[in-house]
């Protein structure tokens, strides 16, 4: 009897498993090359990041982290690079707040090093200096977004 109860308890235990990490989309544009390579290099970097998630069949979820970087040298755009790093995660038996946090912060934390490496590789293959992106605190970004949504009277979406 105890073994049956333990099996039921294990079935209801929270579960998290990374199934796959992959590049969903990748793009690079250097509109001013080759002339940009002959100029004094004084870059300014603008980084935008975004996360999206959607439910797949069963308890599977896809999370996509998008990093978009625009680097200007003076007033001219040196390059624009973007990567969509995605992952498929098996997530079971979490309450709604825990699921929201897992999809909105924990999964992007897992994807970020892969996205950062893909972006850096793309930039150096374009013959530009390495792009060293600082770590991102997705927990803080998630908390800010939850506060913004609460103030706006919106409910978090768990598609």
Foldseek 3Di string as FASTA:
>chain_A
DVVVVVVVVVVQDKDKDWDDKDWPDKDKDFPDPPVVVPDDADKDKDKDKDKDKDDDPDQKIKIWIKIWMWIARVPHTGMIIMIIMMTIMRIDNDPPVVLLCCRQAVVVLVRVVVRLVVRQVVQVVVVDDGDDDDDDRSNVVSVVVVVVCVVVVHDDDHD
